Amino acid sequence: MEDYNHLINTLGEEEKKSLKALYEEKVKSLHEVWIEEIKIDAKHLELVNICYNLFTKSTEVNHRTGYSIVLVDPLCTLGIKIFDLMLYHEENQTAILLDAKSSISDRGTSGMVADTSKAAEMASKNKSKLEEFIGKPIAKMEYVIVVPAYYAENLRDAIQSKQANICVWAYFHDPSSLQLIQPTAEDISAQRLNGRTHTDETMRQILVKSVSAKMGALRSLPIMPTSHIFTKFEYLSQNLYVELDRLPQEKQWFEYSVVFSLLKRAYSATEFDDGDVERETKKLINSALNARLFRKINNEEEIARSEFIVNYKRNSYENFRQEYLDNRPSDKAYSEAVLEFRRIKGISSLTDFPKEI
């Protein structure tokens, strides 16, 4: 933004209009990107919750397979952000790391396989950390990519082509169910050996026949540490008003501790400790202040001692999203507008354009 302000102060009126128009164009493009990111994140969280709801303790699938969810966003604190969930079987001590993909990126199925294979290597190297997080030994690790059924066979073929040690689960929308998609050119023994099916025969048979996702995408997990920042703001927005409703009308403000408690509850199934939640709380509050979604109402410099109010209209998702888009700081739009303006005008440095007299 500093370059933008410096440049615009050197321009005449017509050039100022041109630069401002470029900036508005860049903002519009960024809004489209952000809206698409928000949609993708919502679909991803939906698929993660379908898997989570199937394997939480005491569900039918948990009883039938013996596998249950033990970690959400496993190893994200170490920077390994590919895997969304970890399942664990108490008796055979097998951990299954799930990577949920609601769509295929521009890099295609090959890129997806490469990313998950790299993350699997990193997870294997950090097996002792996973054991520390869950407090149990891990004898074997398996890896799964979960995708909508439409992509499943192409993904399976890409995995087999690259000889990757990854299983494929397909999600069918109607009726809501998950199914293990096995390679066609390998027998079961080879699939087990190569990590392209599950070694636990009960698990394999149940998933090959498909399992009904009766709870669907119910948001048992409202957010994850790796969720889009808007998804986190949305969660805070909804829950802050619930908290404020419990307070008298004259005290419609909240403290740092309220946000900390909401995030600690949301991240209870992750390996986040209080220090991680504290860092996340401060980061989110600062981002909300910068985006003008929150407003500080006291003079405390320290975030942990500050008091805040929400700065947007209540109970309107579209309004909240628009507030986020309109107020999100856009240094990228400023810098891109400056670069584009300089390219069009043939300016090699900011001092080349004389201020109009």
Protein backbone atom coordinates (compact mmCIF):
# COMPACT_ATOMS: atom_id res chain seq x y z
CA MET A 1 0.00 0.00 0.00
CA GLU A 2 2.94 2.32 0.66
CA ASP A 3 4.02 2.16 -3.02
CA TYR A 4 0.42 2.80 -4.10
CA ASN A 5 0.10 5.90 -1.91
CA HIS A 6 3.51 7.16 -3.00
CA LEU A 7 2.67 6.67 -6.68
CA ILE A 8 -0.80 8.20 -6.56
CA ASN A 9 0.62 11.34 -4.96
CA THR A 10 2.86 11.84 -8.03
CA LEU A 11 0.00 11.57 -10.54
CA GLY A 12 -2.33 13.99 -12.28
CA GLU A 13 -6.09 13.58 -12.02
CA GLU A 14 -6.52 11.36 -15.09
CA GLU A 15 -3.68 9.07 -14.08
CA LYS A 16 -5.10 8.86 -10.56
CA LYS A 17 -8.42 7.70 -12.01
CA SER A 18 -6.62 5.07 -14.09
CA LEU A 19 -4.68 3.76 -11.08
CA LYS A 20 -7.81 3.66 -8.89
CA ALA A 21 -9.69 1.79 -11.63
CA LEU A 22 -6.88 -0.77 -11.82
CA TYR A 23 -7.02 -1.18 -8.06
CA GLU A 24 -10.80 -1.77 -8.12
CA GLU A 25 -10.31 -4.33 -10.90
CA LYS A 26 -7.67 -6.19 -8.86
CA VAL A 27 -9.92 -6.14 -5.77
CA LYS A 28 -12.80 -7.62 -7.77
CA SER A 29 -10.53 -10.40 -9.07
CA LEU A 30 -9.27 -11.14 -5.57
CA HIS A 31 -12.85 -11.26 -4.25
CA GLU A 32 -13.66 -13.91 -6.85
CA VAL A 33 -10.60 -15.91 -5.76
CA TRP A 34 -11.51 -15.60 -2.07
CA ILE A 35 -15.14 -16.60 -2.68
CA GLU A 36 -13.95 -19.69 -4.54
CA GLU A 37 -11.50 -20.51 -1.71
CA ILE A 38 -14.33 -20.21 0.83
CA LYS A 39 -16.55 -22.55 -1.23
CA ILE A 40 -13.76 -25.12 -1.62
CA ASP A 41 -13.00 -25.02 2.11
CA ALA A 42 -16.69 -25.54 2.95
CA LYS A 43 -16.85 -28.59 0.66
CA HIS A 44 -13.62 -29.94 2.12
CA LEU A 45 -14.91 -29.55 5.68
CA GLU A 46 -18.12 -31.30 4.64
CA LEU A 47 -16.17 -34.33 3.36
CA VAL A 48 -13.96 -34.40 6.47
CA ASN A 49 -17.07 -34.39 8.69
CA ILE A 50 -18.60 -37.28 6.75
CA CYS A 51 -15.52 -39.37 7.57
CA TYR A 52 -15.32 -38.05 11.14
CA ASN A 53 -18.97 -38.87 11.88
CA LEU A 54 -18.53 -42.43 10.59
CA PHE A 55 -15.59 -43.27 12.83
CA THR A 56 -16.24 -41.46 16.09
CA LYS A 57 -16.42 -43.75 19.12
CA SER A 58 -19.60 -45.79 19.62
CA THR A 59 -20.81 -45.43 16.02
CA GLU A 60 -21.86 -48.55 14.11
CA VAL A 61 -18.78 -48.42 11.86
CA ASN A 62 -16.51 -47.99 14.88
CA HIS A 63 -18.03 -51.10 16.49
CA ARG A 64 -17.82 -53.14 13.29
CA THR A 65 -14.24 -52.20 12.32
CA GLY A 66 -12.61 -51.35 15.64
CA TYR A 67 -11.23 -48.10 14.16
CA SER A 68 -11.99 -44.72 15.72
CA ILE A 69 -10.90 -41.10 15.25
CA VAL A 70 -7.96 -40.21 17.48
CA LEU A 71 -6.62 -37.01 15.89
CA VAL A 72 -7.84 -34.14 13.73
CA ASP A 73 -5.24 -32.40 11.53
CA PRO A 74 -2.53 -34.82 12.71
CA LEU A 75 0.96 -33.32 12.69
CA CYS A 76 -0.25 -29.85 11.60
CA THR A 77 1.80 -28.36 14.44
CA LEU A 78 4.88 -29.75 12.66
CA GLY A 79 3.85 -28.18 9.36
CA ILE A 80 2.52 -31.39 7.78
CA LYS A 81 -0.89 -30.16 6.68
CA ILE A 82 -2.03 -32.72 4.11
CA PHE A 83 -3.79 -35.21 6.38
CA ASP A 84 -7.13 -34.33 7.94
CA LEU A 85 -7.88 -37.25 10.26
CA MET A 86 -6.15 -40.16 11.93
CA LEU A 87 -7.95 -43.42 12.77
CA TYR A 88 -6.52 -46.00 15.14
CA HIS A 89 -7.24 -49.64 15.99
CA GLU A 90 -6.44 -50.58 19.59
CA GLU A 91 -5.80 -54.29 18.95
CA ASN A 92 -3.77 -54.33 15.73
CA GLN A 93 -2.20 -50.92 16.55
CA THR A 94 -2.72 -49.65 13.00
CA ALA A 95 -3.05 -45.94 12.28
CA ILE A 96 -4.84 -44.75 9.13
CA LEU A 97 -4.17 -41.19 7.95
CA LEU A 98 -6.95 -39.69 5.81
CA ASP A 99 -6.52 -36.95 3.22
CA ALA A 100 -9.96 -35.61 2.14
CA LYS A 101 -10.14 -33.91 -1.26
CA SER A 102 -13.45 -32.41 -2.38
CA SER A 103 -12.07 -31.65 -5.87
CA ILE A 104 -9.04 -32.11 -8.09
CA SER A 105 -6.60 -29.21 -8.42
CA ASP A 106 -5.03 -27.96 -11.66
CA ARG A 107 -2.16 -30.41 -11.06
CA GLY A 108 -4.58 -33.31 -11.51
CA THR A 109 -4.61 -36.69 -9.83
CA SER A 110 -0.86 -37.14 -10.37
CA GLY A 111 -0.12 -34.00 -8.36
CA MET A 112 -2.50 -35.15 -5.64
CA VAL A 113 -0.77 -38.54 -5.41
CA ALA A 114 2.66 -36.88 -5.28
CA ASP A 115 1.59 -34.52 -2.46
CA THR A 116 0.02 -37.28 -0.36
CA SER A 117 3.00 -39.61 -0.93
CA LYS A 118 5.39 -36.90 0.26
CA ALA A 119 3.20 -36.23 3.31
CA ALA A 120 3.10 -39.99 4.02
CA GLU A 121 6.90 -40.09 4.07
CA MET A 122 6.99 -37.18 6.50
CA ALA A 123 4.31 -38.77 8.69
CA SER A 124 6.26 -42.05 8.78
CA LYS A 125 9.39 -40.19 9.89
CA ASN A 126 7.32 -38.58 12.67
CA LYS A 127 5.63 -41.79 13.85
CA SER A 128 7.06 -41.33 17.34
CA LYS A 129 5.36 -37.91 17.52
CA LEU A 130 2.03 -39.45 16.58
CA GLU A 131 2.53 -42.11 19.25
CA GLU A 132 3.27 -39.35 21.74
CA PHE A 133 0.11 -37.44 20.75
CA ILE A 134 -2.21 -40.45 21.14
CA GLY A 135 -0.29 -42.12 23.97
CA LYS A 136 -0.27 -45.51 22.19
CA PRO A 137 2.13 -47.52 20.01
CA ILE A 138 1.72 -47.59 16.24
CA ALA A 139 2.74 -50.87 14.60
CA LYS A 140 1.59 -49.99 11.07
CA MET A 141 0.56 -46.87 9.15
CA GLU A 142 -1.81 -46.76 6.18
CA TYR A 143 -2.76 -43.79 4.00
CA VAL A 144 -6.06 -42.91 2.34
CA ILE A 145 -7.25 -40.22 -0.07
CA VAL A 146 -11.02 -39.65 0.12
CA VAL A 147 -12.60 -38.10 -2.98
CA PRO A 148 -16.07 -37.71 -4.50
CA ALA A 149 -16.93 -40.89 -6.45
CA TYR A 150 -16.60 -39.05 -9.77
CA TYR A 151 -12.80 -38.82 -9.33
CA ALA A 152 -12.17 -42.16 -7.61
CA GLU A 153 -11.28 -44.45 -10.52
CA ASN A 154 -8.92 -41.93 -12.14
CA LEU A 155 -7.24 -41.42 -8.78
CA ARG A 156 -6.93 -45.18 -8.25
CA ASP A 157 -5.28 -45.53 -11.69
CA ALA A 158 -2.87 -42.66 -10.96
CA ILE A 159 -1.89 -44.29 -7.66
CA GLN A 160 -1.29 -47.64 -9.36
CA SER A 161 0.67 -45.98 -12.18
CA LYS A 162 2.96 -44.27 -9.66
CA GLN A 163 3.12 -47.40 -7.45
CA ALA A 164 2.11 -45.27 -4.47
CA ASN A 165 1.15 -46.83 -1.12
CA ILE A 166 -2.25 -45.16 -0.86
CA CYS A 167 -5.85 -46.42 -0.64
CA VAL A 168 -8.80 -44.67 -2.30
CA TRP A 169 -12.16 -44.11 -0.63
CA ALA A 170 -14.98 -42.84 -2.84
CA TYR A 171 -17.76 -40.70 -1.43
CA PHE A 172 -21.18 -41.24 -3.01
CA HIS A 173 -23.61 -38.40 -2.43
CA ASP A 174 -26.95 -40.13 -2.96
CA PRO A 175 -27.28 -42.11 -0.83
CA SER A 176 -24.46 -40.79 1.35
CA SER A 177 -21.84 -43.54 1.63
CA LEU A 178 -18.11 -44.36 1.47
CA GLN A 179 -16.54 -47.19 -0.50
CA LEU A 180 -12.99 -48.55 -0.86
CA ILE A 181 -11.99 -48.53 -4.55
CA GLN A 182 -9.39 -51.26 -5.08
CA PRO A 183 -6.90 -51.61 -7.97
CA THR A 184 -8.15 -53.86 -10.78
CA ALA A 185 -4.77 -55.24 -11.88
CA GLU A 186 -3.59 -56.57 -8.50
CA ASP A 187 -4.76 -59.41 -6.33
CA ILE A 188 -5.64 -58.77 -2.68
CA SER A 189 -2.26 -59.97 -1.39
CA ALA A 190 -0.40 -57.58 -3.71
CA GLN A 191 -2.73 -54.73 -2.78
CA ARG A 192 -2.05 -55.30 0.91
CA LEU A 193 1.67 -55.55 0.32
CA ASN A 194 1.67 -52.34 -1.72
CA GLY A 195 -0.54 -50.36 0.68
CA ARG A 196 -3.39 -50.01 -1.82
CA THR A 197 -5.92 -51.80 0.35
CA HIS A 198 -6.31 -52.29 4.10
CA THR A 199 -4.45 -55.10 5.83
CA ASP A 200 -7.31 -55.53 8.30
CA GLU A 201 -9.66 -57.89 6.45
CA THR A 202 -12.74 -56.79 8.39
CA MET A 203 -12.08 -53.15 7.51
CA ARG A 204 -11.41 -54.05 3.87
CA GLN A 205 -14.57 -56.11 3.42
CA ILE A 206 -16.82 -53.54 5.09
CA LEU A 207 -15.47 -50.68 2.97
CA VAL A 208 -15.47 -52.65 -0.29
CA LYS A 209 -19.21 -53.24 0.19
CA SER A 210 -19.54 -49.53 1.16
CA VAL A 211 -20.78 -48.04 4.41
CA SER A 212 -23.73 -45.72 4.81
CA ALA A 213 -22.85 -42.25 6.12
CA LYS A 214 -26.05 -41.83 8.10
CA MET A 215 -25.00 -38.64 9.87
CA GLY A 216 -23.81 -37.15 6.59
CA ALA A 217 -21.92 -33.88 6.81
CA LEU A 218 -23.25 -32.83 10.22
CA ARG A 219 -20.60 -30.37 11.45
CA SER A 220 -19.28 -32.28 14.41
CA LEU A 221 -16.02 -30.54 13.50
CA PRO A 222 -16.99 -26.87 13.01
CA ILE A 223 -13.43 -25.85 12.08
CA MET A 224 -9.94 -27.31 11.89
CA PRO A 225 -6.56 -25.62 12.47
CA THR A 226 -5.98 -25.70 8.70
CA SER A 227 -9.44 -24.31 7.80
CA HIS A 228 -9.73 -21.12 5.74
CA ILE A 229 -9.64 -18.03 7.93
CA PHE A 230 -13.18 -17.09 6.84
CA THR A 231 -14.45 -20.47 8.05
CA LYS A 232 -12.89 -19.72 11.42
CA PHE A 233 -14.42 -16.24 11.51
CA GLU A 234 -17.80 -17.73 10.62
CA TYR A 235 -17.54 -20.19 13.52
CA LEU A 236 -16.55 -17.42 15.93
CA SER A 237 -19.32 -15.16 14.65
CA GLN A 238 -22.05 -17.73 15.25
CA ASN A 239 -20.80 -18.71 18.68
CA LEU A 240 -19.97 -15.24 19.95
CA TYR A 241 -23.60 -14.23 19.57
CA VAL A 242 -24.63 -17.31 21.53
CA GLU A 243 -22.27 -16.19 24.29
CA LEU A 244 -23.50 -12.58 24.13
CA ASP A 245 -27.14 -13.71 24.38
CA ARG A 246 -26.38 -14.99 27.86
CA LEU A 247 -25.24 -11.55 28.99
CA PRO A 248 -27.36 -8.55 30.01
CA GLN A 249 -28.08 -5.97 27.31
CA GLU A 250 -25.65 -3.46 28.79
CA LYS A 251 -22.72 -5.91 28.46
CA GLN A 252 -22.75 -6.85 24.79
CA TRP A 253 -18.99 -7.17 24.53
CA PHE A 254 -16.54 -10.03 24.97
CA GLU A 255 -13.02 -10.67 26.16
CA TYR A 256 -10.03 -12.57 24.81
CA SER A 257 -10.87 -15.52 27.08
CA VAL A 258 -14.20 -16.09 25.28
CA VAL A 259 -12.46 -16.53 21.91
CA PHE A 260 -9.77 -18.70 23.53
CA SER A 261 -12.45 -21.00 25.01
CA LEU A 262 -14.32 -21.30 21.70
CA LEU A 263 -11.15 -22.26 19.84
CA LYS A 264 -10.01 -24.66 22.56
CA ARG A 265 -13.37 -26.45 22.31
CA ALA A 266 -13.20 -26.59 18.50
CA TYR A 267 -9.64 -27.94 18.55
CA SER A 268 -10.16 -30.48 21.34
CA ALA A 269 -9.53 -33.42 18.98
CA THR A 270 -6.26 -31.97 17.63
CA GLU A 271 -2.78 -32.10 19.14
CA PHE A 272 -3.00 -28.37 19.95
CA ASP A 273 -1.97 -27.52 23.51
CA ASP A 274 -2.91 -24.31 25.34
CA GLY A 275 0.09 -22.51 23.87
CA ASP A 276 -1.00 -23.38 20.32
CA VAL A 277 -4.57 -22.27 21.04
CA GLU A 278 -3.26 -19.02 22.56
CA ARG A 279 -1.23 -18.23 19.43
CA GLU A 280 -4.19 -19.06 17.21
CA THR A 281 -6.51 -16.88 19.34
CA LYS A 282 -4.23 -13.83 19.10
CA LYS A 283 -3.73 -14.36 15.37
CA LEU A 284 -7.48 -14.59 14.69
CA ILE A 285 -8.37 -11.61 16.87
CA ASN A 286 -5.73 -9.47 15.15
CA SER A 287 -6.99 -10.59 11.74
CA ALA A 288 -10.59 -9.81 12.75
CA LEU A 289 -9.52 -6.35 13.94
CA ASN A 290 -7.66 -5.71 10.67
CA ALA A 291 -10.72 -6.82 8.68
CA ARG A 292 -12.91 -4.64 10.94
CA LEU A 293 -15.04 -7.60 11.97
CA PHE A 294 -14.14 -6.92 15.61
CA ARG A 295 -13.61 -3.55 17.26
CA LYS A 296 -11.61 -2.98 20.43
CA ILE A 297 -13.44 -0.89 23.02
CA ASN A 298 -10.76 -0.34 25.66
CA ASN A 299 -7.26 1.11 25.55
CA GLU A 300 -5.34 -2.03 26.44
CA GLU A 301 -2.47 -2.73 24.04
CA GLU A 302 -2.20 -6.37 25.10
CA ILE A 303 -4.78 -8.47 23.21
CA ALA A 304 -5.24 -10.85 26.15
CA ARG A 305 -6.52 -7.95 28.32
CA SER A 306 -8.65 -6.27 25.68
CA GLU A 307 -12.42 -6.09 25.26
CA PHE A 308 -14.17 -6.28 21.89
CA ILE A 309 -17.50 -5.94 20.14
CA VAL A 310 -18.58 -7.52 16.86
CA ASN A 311 -18.67 -4.99 14.06
CA TYR A 312 -21.20 -6.47 11.60
CA LYS A 313 -24.93 -7.10 11.39
CA ARG A 314 -26.24 -10.16 13.13
CA ASN A 315 -27.53 -13.45 11.71
CA SER A 316 -26.79 -12.83 8.04
CA TYR A 317 -24.27 -15.11 6.38
CA GLU A 318 -24.24 -13.10 3.13
CA ASN A 319 -23.78 -9.84 5.04
CA PHE A 320 -20.99 -11.34 7.13
CA ARG A 321 -19.21 -12.68 4.03
CA GLN A 322 -19.49 -9.32 2.29
CA GLU A 323 -18.16 -7.51 5.37
CA TYR A 324 -15.19 -9.88 5.35
CA LEU A 325 -14.53 -9.37 1.63
CA ASP A 326 -14.97 -5.58 1.71
CA ASN A 327 -12.84 -5.01 4.79
CA ARG A 328 -10.11 -7.61 4.34
CA PRO A 329 -6.83 -5.74 3.90
CA SER A 330 -5.74 -6.06 0.29
CA ASP A 331 -2.05 -5.27 0.03
CA LYS A 332 -1.92 -7.68 -2.91
CA ALA A 333 -4.47 -5.60 -4.86
CA TYR A 334 -2.50 -2.42 -4.18
CA SER A 335 0.82 -3.93 -5.28
CA GLU A 336 -0.67 -5.59 -8.39
CA ALA A 337 -2.37 -2.31 -9.39
CA VAL A 338 0.95 -0.45 -9.07
CA LEU A 339 2.81 -3.04 -11.15
CA GLU A 340 0.13 -3.06 -13.85
CA PHE A 341 0.02 0.75 -13.98
CA ARG A 342 3.79 0.97 -14.29
CA ARG A 343 3.81 -1.66 -17.05
CA ILE A 344 1.10 0.16 -19.05
CA LYS A 345 2.79 3.55 -18.66
CA GLY A 346 6.31 2.25 -19.15
CA ILE A 347 7.47 3.56 -15.78
CA SER A 348 10.72 1.97 -14.58
CA SER A 349 10.65 3.53 -11.09
CA LEU A 350 8.22 5.45 -8.91
CA THR A 351 10.14 8.68 -9.44
CA ASP A 352 9.73 8.58 -13.25
CA PHE A 353 6.19 10.00 -13.16
CA PRO A 354 6.14 13.75 -12.44
CA LYS A 355 3.36 15.16 -10.34
CA GLU A 356 0.95 17.28 -12.38
CA ILE A 357 1.20 20.99 -11.62
